[in-house]
Amino acid sequence: MKIITLHTRVDADKLLAHLVQKLNPLFREQRQQDISFKIEKVGNTIEISQPELYEGVLFKLEIKGKRLWITRNEHYVDDVNSLTVESILNSLFEDITDDSRGVDLLLEG
C-alpha cells in the first residue's frame, strides 16, 4: 500500500473523471499498446482493472481526507503495464491537486 498527501481535498468523482479522461490515452502513448483499462467507482473506492489480461483489480484508490490510499495487486508489482499505469497515476495525482506543493509520499510498503 502507498499513501500520499494531496494537500487539498479532492472529490472522488472529480478524480474518477480525470482518470477516465487521461489514463488510457497516456498509457497507449507511453507503451504503444492498444490496451484499455477499466476505471470505475465502487462505493468510495476507484478501481482500475483490465479483465482480459489480469485477474482481479490492479489498483484501488481511496480518498481519506487529504490523503489518497493506493493499493496495488501484489501479483503484478513487476509487470511492465502495471508499472506504467502507476507512473501515469503519479503524474495525474499531481494534476488533480490545485496546491503548488503537488503530492507527498507518506507511506509505501
N, C-alpha and C. Protein backbone atom coordinates (compact mmCIF):
# COMPACT_ATOMS: atom_id res chain seq x y z
N MET A 1 0.83 -1.17 0.00
CA MET A 1 0.00 0.00 0.00
C MET A 1 0.88 1.24 0.00
N LYS A 2 0.38 2.26 -0.66
CA LYS A 2 1.06 3.54 -0.68
C LYS A 2 0.04 4.59 -0.24
N ILE A 3 0.49 5.53 0.59
CA ILE A 3 -0.37 6.63 1.00
C ILE A 3 0.33 7.92 0.60
N ILE A 4 -0.39 8.78 -0.12
CA ILE A 4 0.16 10.07 -0.49
C ILE A 4 -0.74 11.18 0.04
N THR A 5 -0.13 12.34 0.30
CA THR A 5 -0.88 13.52 0.71
C THR A 5 -1.13 14.37 -0.51
N LEU A 6 -2.38 14.77 -0.69
CA LEU A 6 -2.75 15.60 -1.83
C LEU A 6 -2.72 17.09 -1.47
N HIS A 7 -2.60 17.43 -0.19
CA HIS A 7 -2.56 18.79 0.34
C HIS A 7 -3.89 19.52 0.22
N THR A 8 -4.75 19.14 -0.69
CA THR A 8 -6.08 19.72 -0.79
C THR A 8 -7.07 18.56 -0.90
N ARG A 9 -8.27 18.80 -0.46
CA ARG A 9 -9.29 17.76 -0.58
C ARG A 9 -9.65 17.59 -2.05
N VAL A 10 -9.76 16.35 -2.46
CA VAL A 10 -10.12 16.02 -3.84
C VAL A 10 -11.37 15.16 -3.81
N ASP A 11 -12.33 15.54 -4.60
CA ASP A 11 -13.57 14.80 -4.70
C ASP A 11 -13.34 13.52 -5.50
N ALA A 12 -13.85 12.40 -5.03
CA ALA A 12 -13.66 11.11 -5.70
C ALA A 12 -14.22 11.12 -7.12
N ASP A 13 -15.35 11.79 -7.31
CA ASP A 13 -15.94 11.85 -8.66
C ASP A 13 -15.06 12.67 -9.61
N LYS A 14 -14.46 13.73 -9.09
CA LYS A 14 -13.54 14.55 -9.90
C LYS A 14 -12.30 13.73 -10.27
N LEU A 15 -11.77 12.98 -9.30
CA LEU A 15 -10.62 12.12 -9.58
C LEU A 15 -10.99 11.06 -10.60
N LEU A 16 -12.13 10.45 -10.44
CA LEU A 16 -12.59 9.42 -11.37
C LEU A 16 -12.68 9.99 -12.79
N ALA A 17 -13.30 11.15 -12.94
CA ALA A 17 -13.45 11.76 -14.27
C ALA A 17 -12.08 12.07 -14.88
N HIS A 18 -11.16 12.54 -14.07
CA HIS A 18 -9.80 12.85 -14.54
C HIS A 18 -9.09 11.59 -15.03
N LEU A 19 -9.21 10.52 -14.26
CA LEU A 19 -8.57 9.26 -14.64
C LEU A 19 -9.20 8.67 -15.90
N VAL A 20 -10.52 8.71 -15.98
CA VAL A 20 -11.21 8.18 -17.16
C VAL A 20 -10.78 8.94 -18.41
N GLN A 21 -10.62 10.24 -18.29
CA GLN A 21 -10.24 11.06 -19.43
C GLN A 21 -8.78 10.86 -19.84
N LYS A 22 -7.89 10.68 -18.89
CA LYS A 22 -6.46 10.74 -19.18
C LYS A 22 -5.69 9.42 -19.18
N LEU A 23 -6.07 8.48 -18.31
CA LEU A 23 -5.24 7.29 -18.11
C LEU A 23 -5.03 6.47 -19.38
N ASN A 24 -6.08 6.06 -20.04
CA ASN A 24 -5.92 5.20 -21.22
C ASN A 24 -5.17 5.86 -22.37
N PRO A 25 -5.47 7.12 -22.72
CA PRO A 25 -4.68 7.75 -23.79
C PRO A 25 -3.20 7.87 -23.45
N LEU A 26 -2.90 8.24 -22.20
CA LEU A 26 -1.49 8.34 -21.81
C LEU A 26 -0.81 6.97 -21.82
N PHE A 27 -1.53 5.95 -21.39
CA PHE A 27 -0.95 4.60 -21.41
C PHE A 27 -0.63 4.18 -22.85
N ARG A 28 -1.58 4.37 -23.76
CA ARG A 28 -1.34 3.98 -25.15
C ARG A 28 -0.18 4.77 -25.76
N GLU A 29 -0.07 6.02 -25.39
CA GLU A 29 1.03 6.85 -25.89
C GLU A 29 2.38 6.36 -25.37
N GLN A 30 2.45 6.04 -24.09
CA GLN A 30 3.72 5.63 -23.48
C GLN A 30 4.12 4.21 -23.85
N ARG A 31 3.18 3.29 -23.87
CA ARG A 31 3.51 1.88 -24.09
C ARG A 31 3.33 1.45 -25.55
N GLN A 32 2.70 2.26 -26.35
CA GLN A 32 2.43 1.90 -27.74
C GLN A 32 1.71 0.55 -27.83
N GLN A 33 0.79 0.33 -26.89
CA GLN A 33 -0.01 -0.89 -26.83
C GLN A 33 -1.48 -0.50 -26.84
N ASP A 34 -2.28 -1.27 -27.54
CA ASP A 34 -3.72 -0.99 -27.59
C ASP A 34 -4.42 -1.73 -26.45
N ILE A 35 -4.14 -1.28 -25.24
CA ILE A 35 -4.72 -1.85 -24.03
C ILE A 35 -5.50 -0.74 -23.34
N SER A 36 -6.73 -1.04 -22.97
CA SER A 36 -7.56 -0.08 -22.24
C SER A 36 -7.88 -0.65 -20.87
N PHE A 37 -7.83 0.21 -19.88
CA PHE A 37 -8.13 -0.18 -18.52
C PHE A 37 -9.53 0.26 -18.14
N LYS A 38 -10.17 -0.56 -17.36
CA LYS A 38 -11.50 -0.27 -16.84
C LYS A 38 -11.30 0.54 -15.57
N ILE A 39 -11.93 1.70 -15.51
CA ILE A 39 -11.80 2.60 -14.37
C ILE A 39 -13.21 2.87 -13.86
N GLU A 40 -13.49 2.45 -12.62
CA GLU A 40 -14.84 2.61 -12.12
C GLU A 40 -14.84 2.89 -10.62
N LYS A 41 -15.90 3.52 -10.19
CA LYS A 41 -16.06 3.80 -8.78
C LYS A 41 -16.94 2.71 -8.16
N VAL A 42 -16.42 2.09 -7.11
CA VAL A 42 -17.14 1.05 -6.39
C VAL A 42 -17.22 1.51 -4.94
N GLY A 43 -18.39 1.99 -4.54
CA GLY A 43 -18.51 2.57 -3.21
C GLY A 43 -17.68 3.83 -3.14
N ASN A 44 -16.77 3.91 -2.18
CA ASN A 44 -15.88 5.06 -2.03
C ASN A 44 -14.52 4.84 -2.68
N THR A 45 -14.38 3.75 -3.40
CA THR A 45 -13.10 3.36 -3.97
C THR A 45 -13.14 3.44 -5.49
N ILE A 46 -12.04 3.89 -6.08
CA ILE A 46 -11.89 3.85 -7.53
C ILE A 46 -11.03 2.63 -7.84
N GLU A 47 -11.52 1.78 -8.73
CA GLU A 47 -10.80 0.56 -9.09
C GLU A 47 -10.36 0.64 -10.54
N ILE A 48 -9.13 0.19 -10.76
CA ILE A 48 -8.57 0.12 -12.11
C ILE A 48 -8.24 -1.33 -12.40
N SER A 49 -8.80 -1.84 -13.50
CA SER A 49 -8.59 -3.25 -13.84
C SER A 49 -8.47 -3.39 -15.35
N GLN A 50 -8.07 -4.58 -15.76
CA GLN A 50 -8.01 -4.95 -17.17
C GLN A 50 -8.32 -6.44 -17.21
N PRO A 51 -9.62 -6.80 -17.20
CA PRO A 51 -10.04 -8.19 -17.03
C PRO A 51 -9.55 -9.15 -18.11
N GLU A 52 -9.23 -8.64 -19.29
CA GLU A 52 -8.74 -9.52 -20.36
C GLU A 52 -7.32 -10.00 -20.10
N LEU A 53 -6.54 -9.23 -19.36
CA LEU A 53 -5.13 -9.57 -19.11
C LEU A 53 -4.82 -9.95 -17.67
N TYR A 54 -5.59 -9.40 -16.73
CA TYR A 54 -5.24 -9.56 -15.32
C TYR A 54 -6.44 -10.03 -14.51
N GLU A 55 -6.16 -10.93 -13.60
CA GLU A 55 -7.19 -11.40 -12.68
C GLU A 55 -7.29 -10.42 -11.52
N GLY A 56 -8.46 -9.93 -11.28
CA GLY A 56 -8.66 -9.00 -10.17
C GLY A 56 -8.34 -7.57 -10.53
N VAL A 57 -8.44 -6.73 -9.53
CA VAL A 57 -8.21 -5.30 -9.68
C VAL A 57 -6.72 -5.02 -9.59
N LEU A 58 -6.20 -4.16 -10.49
CA LEU A 58 -4.78 -3.80 -10.44
C LEU A 58 -4.51 -2.74 -9.36
N PHE A 59 -5.38 -1.75 -9.28
CA PHE A 59 -5.20 -0.66 -8.32
C PHE A 59 -6.54 -0.31 -7.69
N LYS A 60 -6.50 -0.03 -6.40
CA LYS A 60 -7.65 0.52 -5.68
C LYS A 60 -7.20 1.84 -5.09
N LEU A 61 -7.99 2.89 -5.33
CA LEU A 61 -7.67 4.23 -4.84
C LEU A 61 -8.79 4.67 -3.92
N GLU A 62 -8.42 5.10 -2.73
CA GLU A 62 -9.44 5.56 -1.79
C GLU A 62 -8.99 6.88 -1.17
N ILE A 63 -9.84 7.89 -1.32
CA ILE A 63 -9.55 9.20 -0.75
C ILE A 63 -10.03 9.21 0.70
N LYS A 64 -9.11 9.60 1.58
CA LYS A 64 -9.43 9.73 3.00
C LYS A 64 -8.95 11.10 3.44
N GLY A 65 -9.86 12.07 3.38
CA GLY A 65 -9.50 13.46 3.69
C GLY A 65 -8.56 14.00 2.64
N LYS A 66 -7.37 14.43 3.07
CA LYS A 66 -6.36 14.95 2.14
C LYS A 66 -5.35 13.87 1.74
N ARG A 67 -5.67 12.64 2.08
CA ARG A 67 -4.76 11.53 1.77
C ARG A 67 -5.41 10.60 0.76
N LEU A 68 -4.57 10.02 -0.07
CA LEU A 68 -5.02 9.05 -1.06
C LEU A 68 -4.33 7.73 -0.75
N TRP A 69 -5.11 6.72 -0.49
CA TRP A 69 -4.60 5.38 -0.21
C TRP A 69 -4.63 4.60 -1.51
N ILE A 70 -3.49 4.06 -1.89
CA ILE A 70 -3.36 3.32 -3.15
C ILE A 70 -2.94 1.90 -2.83
N THR A 71 -3.75 0.95 -3.26
CA THR A 71 -3.43 -0.45 -3.06
C THR A 71 -3.20 -1.09 -4.42
N ARG A 72 -2.03 -1.73 -4.58
CA ARG A 72 -1.69 -2.42 -5.83
C ARG A 72 -1.91 -3.91 -5.66
N ASN A 73 -2.29 -4.55 -6.74
CA ASN A 73 -2.41 -6.00 -6.73
C ASN A 73 -1.01 -6.59 -6.60
N GLU A 74 -0.78 -7.34 -5.55
CA GLU A 74 0.56 -7.87 -5.26
C GLU A 74 1.08 -8.84 -6.31
N HIS A 75 0.20 -9.38 -7.13
CA HIS A 75 0.63 -10.35 -8.13
C HIS A 75 1.27 -9.70 -9.36
N TYR A 76 1.11 -8.39 -9.50
CA TYR A 76 1.59 -7.73 -10.72
C TYR A 76 2.53 -6.57 -10.43
N VAL A 77 3.23 -6.59 -9.31
CA VAL A 77 4.08 -5.46 -8.94
C VAL A 77 5.25 -5.26 -9.90
N ASP A 78 5.71 -6.31 -10.57
CA ASP A 78 6.82 -6.19 -11.51
C ASP A 78 6.38 -6.18 -12.97
N ASP A 79 5.08 -6.17 -13.20
CA ASP A 79 4.54 -6.18 -14.55
C ASP A 79 4.72 -4.80 -15.19
N VAL A 80 5.22 -4.77 -16.43
CA VAL A 80 5.52 -3.50 -17.09
C VAL A 80 4.27 -2.65 -17.30
N ASN A 81 3.14 -3.25 -17.59
CA ASN A 81 1.92 -2.47 -17.76
C ASN A 81 1.47 -1.86 -16.44
N SER A 82 1.56 -2.62 -15.38
CA SER A 82 1.20 -2.13 -14.06
C SER A 82 2.13 -0.99 -13.62
N LEU A 83 3.41 -1.15 -13.89
CA LEU A 83 4.38 -0.09 -13.55
C LEU A 83 4.11 1.17 -14.35
N THR A 84 3.73 1.01 -15.61
CA THR A 84 3.41 2.16 -16.45
C THR A 84 2.18 2.87 -15.92
N VAL A 85 1.16 2.11 -15.57
CA VAL A 85 -0.06 2.71 -15.01
C VAL A 85 0.28 3.47 -13.73
N GLU A 86 1.10 2.87 -12.88
CA GLU A 86 1.47 3.54 -11.63
C GLU A 86 2.19 4.86 -11.89
N SER A 87 3.08 4.88 -12.84
CA SER A 87 3.80 6.09 -13.19
C SER A 87 2.84 7.18 -13.69
N ILE A 88 1.91 6.78 -14.55
CA ILE A 88 0.91 7.72 -15.06
C ILE A 88 0.04 8.23 -13.93
N LEU A 89 -0.39 7.34 -13.04
CA LEU A 89 -1.22 7.74 -11.90
C LEU A 89 -0.51 8.80 -11.06
N ASN A 90 0.77 8.60 -10.82
CA ASN A 90 1.52 9.57 -10.02
C ASN A 90 1.47 10.97 -10.63
N SER A 91 1.62 11.05 -11.95
CA SER A 91 1.55 12.36 -12.60
C SER A 91 0.12 12.91 -12.59
N LEU A 92 -0.87 12.05 -12.74
CA LEU A 92 -2.25 12.51 -12.73
C LEU A 92 -2.70 12.98 -11.35
N PHE A 93 -2.15 12.39 -10.29
CA PHE A 93 -2.48 12.84 -8.94
C PHE A 93 -1.98 14.27 -8.74
N GLU A 94 -0.81 14.57 -9.27
CA GLU A 94 -0.29 15.93 -9.16
C GLU A 94 -1.16 16.90 -9.95
N ASP A 95 -1.68 16.47 -11.09
CA ASP A 95 -2.56 17.32 -11.90
C ASP A 95 -3.84 17.68 -11.15
N ILE A 96 -4.36 16.74 -10.38
CA ILE A 96 -5.68 16.91 -9.77
C ILE A 96 -5.66 17.82 -8.55
N THR A 97 -4.53 17.91 -7.89
CA THR A 97 -4.46 18.79 -6.72
C THR A 97 -4.17 20.21 -7.19
N ASP A 98 -4.83 21.18 -6.58
CA ASP A 98 -4.61 22.56 -7.01
C ASP A 98 -3.62 23.28 -6.09
N ASP A 99 -2.82 22.52 -5.40
CA ASP A 99 -1.84 23.06 -4.48
C ASP A 99 -0.47 23.03 -5.14
N SER A 100 0.30 24.09 -5.03
CA SER A 100 1.61 24.15 -5.67
C SER A 100 2.60 23.13 -5.11
N ARG A 101 2.29 22.56 -3.94
CA ARG A 101 3.17 21.54 -3.35
C ARG A 101 3.00 20.18 -4.01
N GLY A 102 1.99 20.02 -4.84
CA GLY A 102 1.78 18.73 -5.50
C GLY A 102 1.35 17.66 -4.52
N VAL A 103 2.03 16.52 -4.52
CA VAL A 103 1.71 15.42 -3.62
C VAL A 103 2.98 14.99 -2.89
N ASP A 104 2.79 14.40 -1.72
CA ASP A 104 3.91 13.87 -0.94
C ASP A 104 3.64 12.42 -0.60
N LEU A 105 4.67 11.60 -0.69
CA LEU A 105 4.57 10.20 -0.30
C LEU A 105 4.68 10.10 1.21
N LEU A 106 3.67 9.51 1.86
CA LEU A 106 3.70 9.30 3.31
C LEU A 106 4.15 7.92 3.69
N LEU A 107 3.69 6.92 2.92
CA LEU A 107 3.97 5.53 3.25
C LEU A 107 3.99 4.70 1.99
N GLU A 108 4.98 3.84 1.89
CA GLU A 108 4.98 2.88 0.80
C GLU A 108 5.45 1.56 1.37
N GLY A 109 4.66 0.55 1.12
CA GLY A 109 5.05 -0.73 1.65
C GLY A 109 4.23 -1.87 1.11
